[in-house]
Amino acid sequence: MGKDEKRLVESILFSASKPVSINEIKENTGITPNKIKKILNELIEDYSVKRKNETSMEIVKAGDKYTMQVKKKYIDSSIMIAKPEINSNLLKTLTLIAFHQPLKQSNLRRMIGVKAYDHVDELATMKLIHSKKHGSTEMLTTTQLFPEYFGIDSTKPEEIKDFLIKKVSGKLNNIE
């Protein structure tokens, strides 16, 4: 196995925004699946054993795919810099929370259905919202990272709401 092939596979894992399969690596490199498996196993050993104390990264197998990611102990520090990708459904949920904050999770569930629970978990993991126990439900608010992520100059809920109104009305004016 050549060093160039190993570095190529490593660069694919580093640059991919999601876990990649052996087949996806093969399609992009032309390296045989057996050779890719050997390279992946060697990279996993490099990051988890040989260079364990020299790097904040790890390569892990997720089902039948592989990913390079930040080690858990470094995630909280690095997430403030690296913006997580947000799909459109999650973005809609986040916008509702930001617009109506503080918002009871039970009210959010009435607005968007049962997917509210998964969305809240995912947004909290991304550190974009804060969830605090409030009776039999949770009270949802945005975090300090929310305005930073979207380039909003304020952390005040009223000013965030005004920002969102302007953004939405601007998009509506562009449609007309």
N, C-alpha and C. Protein backbone atom coordinates (compact mmCIF):
# COMPACT_ATOMS: atom_id res chain seq x y z
N MET A 1 0.86 -1.19 0.00
CA MET A 1 0.00 0.00 0.00
C MET A 1 0.90 1.24 0.00
N GLY A 2 0.66 2.09 -0.96
CA GLY A 2 1.48 3.27 -1.09
C GLY A 2 1.04 4.39 -0.17
N LYS A 3 2.02 5.23 0.19
CA LYS A 3 1.72 6.38 1.05
C LYS A 3 0.73 7.33 0.39
N ASP A 4 0.85 7.49 -0.94
CA ASP A 4 -0.07 8.39 -1.64
C ASP A 4 -1.50 7.90 -1.54
N GLU A 5 -1.73 6.59 -1.67
CA GLU A 5 -3.08 6.03 -1.56
C GLU A 5 -3.64 6.26 -0.15
N LYS A 6 -2.78 6.04 0.83
CA LYS A 6 -3.20 6.23 2.22
C LYS A 6 -3.57 7.70 2.46
N ARG A 7 -2.74 8.60 1.97
CA ARG A 7 -3.02 10.04 2.14
C ARG A 7 -4.28 10.45 1.38
N LEU A 8 -4.51 9.83 0.23
CA LEU A 8 -5.70 10.13 -0.55
C LEU A 8 -6.97 9.73 0.22
N VAL A 9 -6.96 8.53 0.78
CA VAL A 9 -8.12 8.07 1.57
C VAL A 9 -8.29 8.97 2.80
N GLU A 10 -7.21 9.30 3.44
CA GLU A 10 -7.26 10.18 4.61
C GLU A 10 -7.85 11.55 4.23
N SER A 11 -7.46 12.07 3.08
CA SER A 11 -7.97 13.38 2.66
C SER A 11 -9.46 13.32 2.33
N ILE A 12 -9.92 12.20 1.80
CA ILE A 12 -11.36 12.04 1.53
C ILE A 12 -12.13 12.05 2.85
N LEU A 13 -11.65 11.30 3.82
CA LEU A 13 -12.32 11.27 5.13
C LEU A 13 -12.33 12.66 5.78
N PHE A 14 -11.22 13.37 5.64
CA PHE A 14 -11.11 14.70 6.24
C PHE A 14 -12.08 15.69 5.58
N SER A 15 -12.19 15.63 4.28
CA SER A 15 -12.97 16.65 3.56
C SER A 15 -14.45 16.31 3.44
N ALA A 16 -14.83 15.06 3.69
CA ALA A 16 -16.24 14.67 3.56
C ALA A 16 -17.06 15.27 4.70
N SER A 17 -18.24 15.73 4.38
CA SER A 17 -19.11 16.33 5.40
C SER A 17 -19.99 15.28 6.07
N LYS A 18 -19.84 14.03 5.63
CA LYS A 18 -20.64 12.93 6.18
C LYS A 18 -19.81 11.65 6.10
N PRO A 19 -20.21 10.60 6.81
CA PRO A 19 -19.49 9.33 6.69
C PRO A 19 -19.53 8.82 5.24
N VAL A 20 -18.44 8.17 4.81
CA VAL A 20 -18.35 7.67 3.44
C VAL A 20 -18.14 6.15 3.44
N SER A 21 -18.69 5.52 2.43
CA SER A 21 -18.57 4.06 2.30
C SER A 21 -17.30 3.71 1.53
N ILE A 22 -16.93 2.45 1.62
CA ILE A 22 -15.78 1.95 0.86
C ILE A 22 -16.04 2.14 -0.63
N ASN A 23 -17.28 1.92 -1.06
CA ASN A 23 -17.62 2.08 -2.46
C ASN A 23 -17.45 3.53 -2.93
N GLU A 24 -17.85 4.49 -2.07
CA GLU A 24 -17.69 5.91 -2.43
C GLU A 24 -16.20 6.26 -2.56
N ILE A 25 -15.39 5.71 -1.67
CA ILE A 25 -13.95 5.96 -1.75
C ILE A 25 -13.40 5.34 -3.04
N LYS A 26 -13.85 4.11 -3.36
CA LYS A 26 -13.41 3.42 -4.58
C LYS A 26 -13.78 4.24 -5.82
N GLU A 27 -15.03 4.76 -5.86
CA GLU A 27 -15.48 5.54 -7.01
C GLU A 27 -14.64 6.79 -7.23
N ASN A 28 -14.14 7.37 -6.16
CA ASN A 28 -13.38 8.60 -6.26
C ASN A 28 -11.87 8.41 -6.40
N THR A 29 -11.40 7.20 -6.10
CA THR A 29 -9.95 6.98 -6.13
C THR A 29 -9.50 5.90 -7.09
N GLY A 30 -10.39 4.94 -7.38
CA GLY A 30 -10.00 3.81 -8.20
C GLY A 30 -9.24 2.74 -7.42
N ILE A 31 -9.07 2.93 -6.13
CA ILE A 31 -8.39 1.94 -5.28
C ILE A 31 -9.35 0.77 -5.05
N THR A 32 -8.84 -0.44 -5.02
CA THR A 32 -9.70 -1.62 -4.83
C THR A 32 -10.30 -1.64 -3.42
N PRO A 33 -11.50 -2.22 -3.29
CA PRO A 33 -12.14 -2.29 -1.96
C PRO A 33 -11.28 -2.96 -0.89
N ASN A 34 -10.58 -4.05 -1.24
CA ASN A 34 -9.73 -4.72 -0.24
C ASN A 34 -8.59 -3.81 0.23
N LYS A 35 -8.00 -3.09 -0.70
CA LYS A 35 -6.92 -2.18 -0.35
C LYS A 35 -7.46 -1.03 0.51
N ILE A 36 -8.66 -0.54 0.18
CA ILE A 36 -9.29 0.54 0.96
C ILE A 36 -9.53 0.08 2.39
N LYS A 37 -10.02 -1.17 2.56
CA LYS A 37 -10.25 -1.71 3.90
C LYS A 37 -8.95 -1.73 4.71
N LYS A 38 -7.86 -2.18 4.07
CA LYS A 38 -6.56 -2.22 4.75
C LYS A 38 -6.10 -0.81 5.13
N ILE A 39 -6.28 0.12 4.21
CA ILE A 39 -5.88 1.52 4.48
C ILE A 39 -6.71 2.08 5.63
N LEU A 40 -8.02 1.84 5.60
CA LEU A 40 -8.90 2.35 6.67
C LEU A 40 -8.51 1.76 8.02
N ASN A 41 -8.24 0.48 8.06
CA ASN A 41 -7.82 -0.14 9.33
C ASN A 41 -6.50 0.44 9.82
N GLU A 42 -5.59 0.70 8.90
CA GLU A 42 -4.31 1.30 9.28
C GLU A 42 -4.51 2.73 9.78
N LEU A 43 -5.38 3.49 9.10
CA LEU A 43 -5.65 4.86 9.54
C LEU A 43 -6.32 4.88 10.92
N ILE A 44 -7.25 3.96 11.14
CA ILE A 44 -7.90 3.88 12.45
C ILE A 44 -6.86 3.61 13.53
N GLU A 45 -5.94 2.69 13.26
CA GLU A 45 -4.87 2.40 14.23
C GLU A 45 -3.95 3.60 14.41
N ASP A 46 -3.61 4.26 13.31
CA ASP A 46 -2.75 5.45 13.40
C ASP A 46 -3.37 6.48 14.35
N TYR A 47 -4.65 6.78 14.16
CA TYR A 47 -5.29 7.84 14.93
C TYR A 47 -5.66 7.40 16.35
N SER A 48 -5.97 6.12 16.55
CA SER A 48 -6.42 5.71 17.88
C SER A 48 -5.31 5.11 18.74
N VAL A 49 -4.19 4.69 18.12
CA VAL A 49 -3.12 4.07 18.90
C VAL A 49 -1.81 4.84 18.73
N LYS A 50 -1.28 4.82 17.52
CA LYS A 50 0.05 5.40 17.28
C LYS A 50 0.11 6.89 17.54
N ARG A 51 -0.89 7.64 17.09
CA ARG A 51 -0.89 9.11 17.24
C ARG A 51 -1.95 9.57 18.24
N LYS A 52 -2.41 8.69 19.06
CA LYS A 52 -3.52 8.96 19.99
C LYS A 52 -3.34 10.27 20.77
N ASN A 53 -2.16 10.50 21.28
CA ASN A 53 -1.92 11.69 22.11
C ASN A 53 -1.40 12.87 21.30
N GLU A 54 -1.28 12.71 19.98
CA GLU A 54 -0.75 13.78 19.14
C GLU A 54 -1.82 14.48 18.31
N THR A 55 -3.05 13.99 18.36
CA THR A 55 -4.09 14.54 17.49
C THR A 55 -5.43 14.67 18.22
N SER A 56 -6.22 15.63 17.77
CA SER A 56 -7.57 15.81 18.32
C SER A 56 -8.61 15.12 17.43
N MET A 57 -8.12 14.45 16.39
CA MET A 57 -9.01 13.79 15.44
C MET A 57 -9.03 12.28 15.66
N GLU A 58 -10.10 11.65 15.17
CA GLU A 58 -10.18 10.19 15.20
C GLU A 58 -10.91 9.73 13.94
N ILE A 59 -10.65 8.52 13.54
CA ILE A 59 -11.38 7.92 12.42
C ILE A 59 -12.18 6.78 13.01
N VAL A 60 -13.48 6.81 12.74
CA VAL A 60 -14.37 5.79 13.32
C VAL A 60 -15.23 5.17 12.23
N LYS A 61 -15.64 3.94 12.50
CA LYS A 61 -16.55 3.23 11.60
C LYS A 61 -17.95 3.49 12.13
N ALA A 62 -18.83 3.95 11.23
CA ALA A 62 -20.23 4.21 11.58
C ALA A 62 -21.10 3.34 10.68
N GLY A 63 -21.49 2.18 11.19
CA GLY A 63 -22.21 1.22 10.36
C GLY A 63 -21.25 0.66 9.33
N ASP A 64 -21.58 0.83 8.04
CA ASP A 64 -20.67 0.37 6.99
C ASP A 64 -19.92 1.53 6.35
N LYS A 65 -19.89 2.66 7.04
CA LYS A 65 -19.20 3.85 6.53
C LYS A 65 -18.13 4.29 7.53
N TYR A 66 -17.29 5.21 7.06
CA TYR A 66 -16.18 5.70 7.88
C TYR A 66 -16.19 7.22 7.90
N THR A 67 -15.75 7.76 9.01
CA THR A 67 -15.69 9.22 9.12
C THR A 67 -14.49 9.66 9.96
N MET A 68 -13.99 10.82 9.63
CA MET A 68 -12.96 11.45 10.46
C MET A 68 -13.69 12.54 11.24
N GLN A 69 -13.49 12.56 12.53
CA GLN A 69 -14.19 13.53 13.35
C GLN A 69 -13.32 14.00 14.51
N VAL A 70 -13.77 15.07 15.13
CA VAL A 70 -13.09 15.59 16.31
C VAL A 70 -13.39 14.67 17.49
N LYS A 71 -12.38 14.36 18.27
CA LYS A 71 -12.58 13.54 19.47
C LYS A 71 -13.54 14.24 20.41
N LYS A 72 -14.34 13.43 21.10
CA LYS A 72 -15.37 13.97 21.99
C LYS A 72 -14.86 15.02 22.97
N LYS A 73 -13.66 14.82 23.50
CA LYS A 73 -13.17 15.76 24.51
C LYS A 73 -12.82 17.14 23.94
N TYR A 74 -12.77 17.27 22.60
CA TYR A 74 -12.46 18.56 21.98
C TYR A 74 -13.67 19.20 21.30
N ILE A 75 -14.79 18.52 21.27
CA ILE A 75 -15.96 19.01 20.53
C ILE A 75 -16.47 20.35 21.06
N ASP A 76 -16.64 20.48 22.37
CA ASP A 76 -17.21 21.72 22.92
C ASP A 76 -16.39 22.95 22.53
N SER A 77 -15.09 22.83 22.52
CA SER A 77 -14.25 23.96 22.15
C SER A 77 -14.29 24.25 20.66
N SER A 78 -14.31 23.21 19.86
CA SER A 78 -14.23 23.41 18.41
C SER A 78 -15.56 23.78 17.77
N ILE A 79 -16.68 23.41 18.38
CA ILE A 79 -17.98 23.70 17.76
C ILE A 79 -18.26 25.20 17.71
N MET A 80 -17.60 25.95 18.57
CA MET A 80 -17.80 27.40 18.55
C MET A 80 -17.18 28.02 17.29
N ILE A 81 -16.25 27.35 16.68
CA ILE A 81 -15.59 27.84 15.47
C ILE A 81 -16.20 27.24 14.22
N ALA A 82 -16.36 25.93 14.22
CA ALA A 82 -16.87 25.23 13.04
C ALA A 82 -18.39 25.28 13.04
N LYS A 83 -18.96 25.85 12.00
CA LYS A 83 -20.41 25.92 11.91
C LYS A 83 -20.97 24.59 11.43
N PRO A 84 -21.87 24.01 12.23
CA PRO A 84 -22.46 22.76 11.77
C PRO A 84 -23.44 23.04 10.64
N GLU A 85 -23.57 22.09 9.73
CA GLU A 85 -24.55 22.24 8.65
C GLU A 85 -25.94 22.00 9.21
N ILE A 86 -26.90 22.77 8.70
CA ILE A 86 -28.27 22.67 9.18
C ILE A 86 -29.18 22.41 7.99
N ASN A 87 -29.92 21.30 8.02
CA ASN A 87 -30.85 21.04 6.92
C ASN A 87 -32.07 21.96 7.04
N SER A 88 -32.84 22.08 5.98
CA SER A 88 -33.92 23.08 5.93
C SER A 88 -35.02 22.83 6.96
N ASN A 89 -35.38 21.57 7.22
CA ASN A 89 -36.41 21.30 8.23
C ASN A 89 -35.95 21.70 9.62
N LEU A 90 -34.69 21.42 9.92
CA LEU A 90 -34.13 21.78 11.21
C LEU A 90 -34.02 23.30 11.33
N LEU A 91 -33.68 23.95 10.23
CA LEU A 91 -33.59 25.40 10.21
C LEU A 91 -34.95 26.05 10.48
N LYS A 92 -36.00 25.47 9.94
CA LYS A 92 -37.36 25.98 10.20
C LYS A 92 -37.71 25.86 11.68
N THR A 93 -37.36 24.73 12.27
CA THR A 93 -37.62 24.53 13.70
C THR A 93 -36.82 25.54 14.53
N LEU A 94 -35.56 25.72 14.17
CA LEU A 94 -34.71 26.68 14.87
C LEU A 94 -35.27 28.09 14.76
N THR A 95 -35.78 28.44 13.60
CA THR A 95 -36.36 29.77 13.39
C THR A 95 -37.59 29.96 14.27
N LEU A 96 -38.43 28.94 14.36
CA LEU A 96 -39.61 29.03 15.23
C LEU A 96 -39.19 29.25 16.69
N ILE A 97 -38.19 28.52 17.13
CA ILE A 97 -37.72 28.67 18.51
C ILE A 97 -37.17 30.08 18.72
N ALA A 98 -36.34 30.55 17.78
CA ALA A 98 -35.75 31.89 17.91
C ALA A 98 -36.83 32.97 17.88
N PHE A 99 -37.82 32.81 17.05
CA PHE A 99 -38.87 33.81 16.91
C PHE A 99 -39.78 33.87 18.13
N HIS A 100 -40.10 32.71 18.68
CA HIS A 100 -41.07 32.65 19.79
C HIS A 100 -40.42 32.50 21.17
N GLN A 101 -39.09 32.56 21.25
CA GLN A 101 -38.44 32.29 22.52
C GLN A 101 -38.83 33.29 23.61
N PRO A 102 -38.89 32.83 24.85
CA PRO A 102 -38.80 31.44 25.26
C PRO A 102 -40.05 30.67 24.81
N LEU A 103 -39.83 29.45 24.32
CA LEU A 103 -40.90 28.63 23.75
C LEU A 103 -40.96 27.29 24.47
N LYS A 104 -42.15 26.92 24.93
CA LYS A 104 -42.30 25.60 25.55
C LYS A 104 -42.21 24.54 24.45
N GLN A 105 -41.51 23.46 24.78
CA GLN A 105 -41.37 22.37 23.82
C GLN A 105 -42.74 21.80 23.46
N SER A 106 -43.66 21.78 24.40
CA SER A 106 -45.02 21.28 24.12
C SER A 106 -45.71 22.16 23.07
N ASN A 107 -45.47 23.46 23.10
CA ASN A 107 -46.05 24.35 22.08
C ASN A 107 -45.38 24.12 20.72
N LEU A 108 -44.07 23.88 20.74
CA LEU A 108 -43.37 23.58 19.50
C LEU A 108 -43.91 22.29 18.89
N ARG A 109 -44.19 21.31 19.73
CA ARG A 109 -44.76 20.05 19.24
C ARG A 109 -46.10 20.29 18.58
N ARG A 110 -46.91 21.16 19.15
CA ARG A 110 -48.20 21.49 18.53
C ARG A 110 -48.02 22.15 17.16
N MET A 111 -46.95 22.92 17.02
CA MET A 111 -46.69 23.63 15.75
C MET A 111 -46.20 22.70 14.64
N ILE A 112 -45.27 21.78 14.99
CA ILE A 112 -44.62 21.00 13.93
C ILE A 112 -44.77 19.49 14.09
N GLY A 113 -45.41 19.03 15.15
CA GLY A 113 -45.61 17.60 15.34
C GLY A 113 -44.50 16.94 16.14
N VAL A 114 -44.51 15.62 16.11
CA VAL A 114 -43.59 14.85 16.96
C VAL A 114 -42.12 14.99 16.57
N LYS A 115 -41.86 15.43 15.35
CA LYS A 115 -40.46 15.64 14.96
C LYS A 115 -39.78 16.71 15.82
N ALA A 116 -40.59 17.48 16.55
CA ALA A 116 -40.05 18.53 17.42
C ALA A 116 -39.04 17.96 18.41
N TYR A 117 -39.30 16.77 18.94
CA TYR A 117 -38.41 16.19 19.94
C TYR A 117 -37.02 15.88 19.35
N ASP A 118 -37.01 15.27 18.17
CA ASP A 118 -35.72 14.97 17.53
C ASP A 118 -34.99 16.25 17.15
N HIS A 119 -35.75 17.23 16.64
CA HIS A 119 -35.14 18.50 16.24
C HIS A 119 -34.52 19.22 17.45
N VAL A 120 -35.23 19.22 18.57
CA VAL A 120 -34.71 19.87 19.78
C VAL A 120 -33.42 19.18 20.22
N ASP A 121 -33.41 17.85 20.21
CA ASP A 121 -32.20 17.11 20.59
C ASP A 121 -31.03 17.47 19.68
N GLU A 122 -31.30 17.51 18.38
CA GLU A 122 -30.23 17.79 17.42
C GLU A 122 -29.73 19.23 17.56
N LEU A 123 -30.64 20.19 17.72
CA LEU A 123 -30.25 21.60 17.86
C LEU A 123 -29.50 21.84 19.16
N ALA A 124 -29.88 21.13 20.22
CA ALA A 124 -29.17 21.26 21.49
C ALA A 124 -27.77 20.66 21.37
N THR A 125 -27.64 19.56 20.66
CA THR A 125 -26.33 18.95 20.42
C THR A 125 -25.43 19.90 19.64
N MET A 126 -26.03 20.66 18.72
CA MET A 126 -25.28 21.62 17.91
C MET A 126 -24.98 22.90 18.68
N LYS A 127 -25.49 22.97 19.91
CA LYS A 127 -25.28 24.12 20.81
C LYS A 127 -25.95 25.40 20.30
N LEU A 128 -27.03 25.25 19.50
CA LEU A 128 -27.75 26.42 18.98
C LEU A 128 -28.94 26.78 19.85
N ILE A 129 -29.44 25.81 20.63
CA ILE A 129 -30.53 26.11 21.57
C ILE A 129 -30.20 25.55 22.93
N HIS A 130 -30.89 26.11 23.92
CA HIS A 130 -30.76 25.64 25.29
C HIS A 130 -32.13 25.14 25.71
N SER A 131 -32.15 24.01 26.39
CA SER A 131 -33.40 23.42 26.85
C SER A 131 -33.35 23.31 28.37
N LYS A 132 -34.36 23.89 29.02
CA LYS A 132 -34.39 23.89 30.49
C LYS A 132 -35.74 23.34 30.95
N LYS A 133 -35.70 22.45 31.94
CA LYS A 133 -36.92 21.84 32.47
C LYS A 133 -37.87 22.93 32.94
N HIS A 134 -39.15 22.79 32.56
CA HIS A 134 -40.18 23.76 32.93
C HIS A 134 -41.48 22.99 33.18
N GLY A 135 -41.67 22.57 34.44
CA GLY A 135 -42.83 21.73 34.76
C GLY A 135 -42.70 20.39 34.06
N SER A 136 -43.72 20.01 33.29
CA SER A 136 -43.68 18.73 32.60
C SER A 136 -43.13 18.84 31.18
N THR A 137 -42.66 20.01 30.80
CA THR A 137 -42.11 20.22 29.46
C THR A 137 -40.72 20.86 29.57
N GLU A 138 -40.21 21.34 28.48
CA GLU A 138 -38.92 22.03 28.44
C GLU A 138 -39.16 23.44 27.90
N MET A 139 -38.38 24.39 28.40
CA MET A 139 -38.42 25.76 27.88
C MET A 139 -37.22 25.92 26.96
N LEU A 140 -37.48 26.37 25.74
CA LEU A 140 -36.43 26.45 24.73
C LEU A 140 -36.05 27.89 24.43
N THR A 141 -34.75 28.15 24.37
CA THR A 141 -34.23 29.46 23.99
C THR A 141 -32.99 29.25 23.12
N THR A 142 -32.59 30.28 22.41
CA THR A 142 -31.37 30.18 21.63
C THR A 142 -30.16 30.42 22.54
N THR A 143 -29.01 29.94 22.10
CA THR A 143 -27.77 30.12 22.86
C THR A 143 -26.98 31.28 22.29
N GLN A 144 -25.85 31.57 22.89
CA GLN A 144 -24.94 32.62 22.40
C GLN A 144 -24.44 32.29 21.00
N LEU A 145 -24.32 30.99 20.69
CA LEU A 145 -23.83 30.58 19.39
C LEU A 145 -24.81 30.93 18.26
N PHE A 146 -26.11 30.95 18.57
CA PHE A 146 -27.12 31.22 17.53
C PHE A 146 -26.87 32.54 16.79
N PRO A 147 -26.80 33.67 17.49
CA PRO A 147 -26.57 34.92 16.74
C PRO A 147 -25.20 34.96 16.06
N GLU A 148 -24.20 34.33 16.67
CA GLU A 148 -22.88 34.28 16.04
C GLU A 148 -22.95 33.49 14.73
N TYR A 149 -23.64 32.38 14.76
CA TYR A 149 -23.76 31.52 13.59
C TYR A 149 -24.41 32.25 12.42
N PHE A 150 -25.45 33.04 12.72
CA PHE A 150 -26.21 33.69 11.66
C PHE A 150 -25.82 35.15 11.44
N GLY A 151 -24.80 35.62 12.15
CA GLY A 151 -24.33 36.98 11.94
C GLY A 151 -25.29 38.04 12.46
N ILE A 152 -25.96 37.74 13.55
CA ILE A 152 -26.89 38.69 14.17
C ILE A 152 -26.12 39.44 15.25
N ASP A 153 -26.27 40.76 15.28
CA ASP A 153 -25.48 41.59 16.19
C ASP A 153 -25.97 41.60 17.63
N SER A 154 -27.03 40.86 17.93
CA SER A 154 -27.59 40.92 19.28
C SER A 154 -27.92 39.53 19.80
N THR A 155 -27.92 39.41 21.13
CA THR A 155 -28.36 38.17 21.76
C THR A 155 -29.73 38.35 22.40
N LYS A 156 -30.29 39.55 22.30
CA LYS A 156 -31.59 39.83 22.90
C LYS A 156 -32.71 39.22 22.05
N PRO A 157 -33.60 38.44 22.67
CA PRO A 157 -34.68 37.78 21.92
C PRO A 157 -35.50 38.74 21.04
N GLU A 158 -35.81 39.93 21.53
CA GLU A 158 -36.61 40.89 20.74
C GLU A 158 -35.86 41.34 19.50
N GLU A 159 -34.57 41.58 19.62
CA GLU A 159 -33.77 42.00 18.47
C GLU A 159 -33.56 40.86 17.49
N ILE A 160 -33.46 39.64 17.99
CA ILE A 160 -33.37 38.47 17.12
C ILE A 160 -34.68 38.33 16.34
N LYS A 161 -35.80 38.52 17.03
CA LYS A 161 -37.11 38.45 16.37
C LYS A 161 -37.22 39.51 15.27
N ASP A 162 -36.79 40.73 15.55
CA ASP A 162 -36.81 41.80 14.54
C ASP A 162 -35.95 41.43 13.34
N PHE A 163 -34.77 40.86 13.60
CA PHE A 163 -33.88 40.43 12.53
C PHE A 163 -34.58 39.40 11.64
N LEU A 164 -35.25 38.42 12.27
CA LEU A 164 -35.93 37.37 11.51
C LEU A 164 -37.08 37.95 10.69
N ILE A 165 -37.82 38.89 11.27
CA ILE A 165 -38.93 39.53 10.54
C ILE A 165 -38.39 40.23 9.30
N LYS A 166 -37.29 40.96 9.46
CA LYS A 166 -36.69 41.67 8.32
C LYS A 166 -36.22 40.70 7.25
N LYS A 167 -35.61 39.59 7.66
CA LYS A 167 -35.13 38.59 6.71
C LYS A 167 -36.29 37.98 5.93
N VAL A 168 -37.36 37.62 6.65
CA VAL A 168 -38.51 37.00 6.00
C VAL A 168 -39.22 38.00 5.09
N SER A 169 -39.42 39.22 5.56
CA SER A 169 -40.10 40.22 4.72
C SER A 169 -39.25 40.58 3.51
N GLY A 170 -37.93 40.57 3.66
CA GLY A 170 -37.03 40.82 2.52
C GLY A 170 -37.16 39.74 1.47
N LYS A 171 -37.26 38.46 1.92
CA LYS A 171 -37.42 37.36 0.98
C LYS A 171 -38.79 37.44 0.30
N LEU A 172 -39.83 37.85 1.05
CA LEU A 172 -41.16 37.97 0.46
C LEU A 172 -41.19 39.07 -0.59
N ASN A 173 -40.51 40.18 -0.33
CA ASN A 173 -40.45 41.28 -1.30
C ASN A 173 -39.74 40.86 -2.58
N ASN A 174 -38.74 39.99 -2.45
CA ASN A 174 -38.00 39.50 -3.62
C ASN A 174 -38.86 38.57 -4.48
N ILE A 175 -39.84 37.92 -3.86
CA ILE A 175 -40.72 36.98 -4.57
C ILE A 175 -41.72 37.76 -5.44
N GLU A 176 -42.20 38.85 -4.93
CA GLU A 176 -43.24 39.62 -5.62
C GLU A 176 -42.77 40.22 -6.91
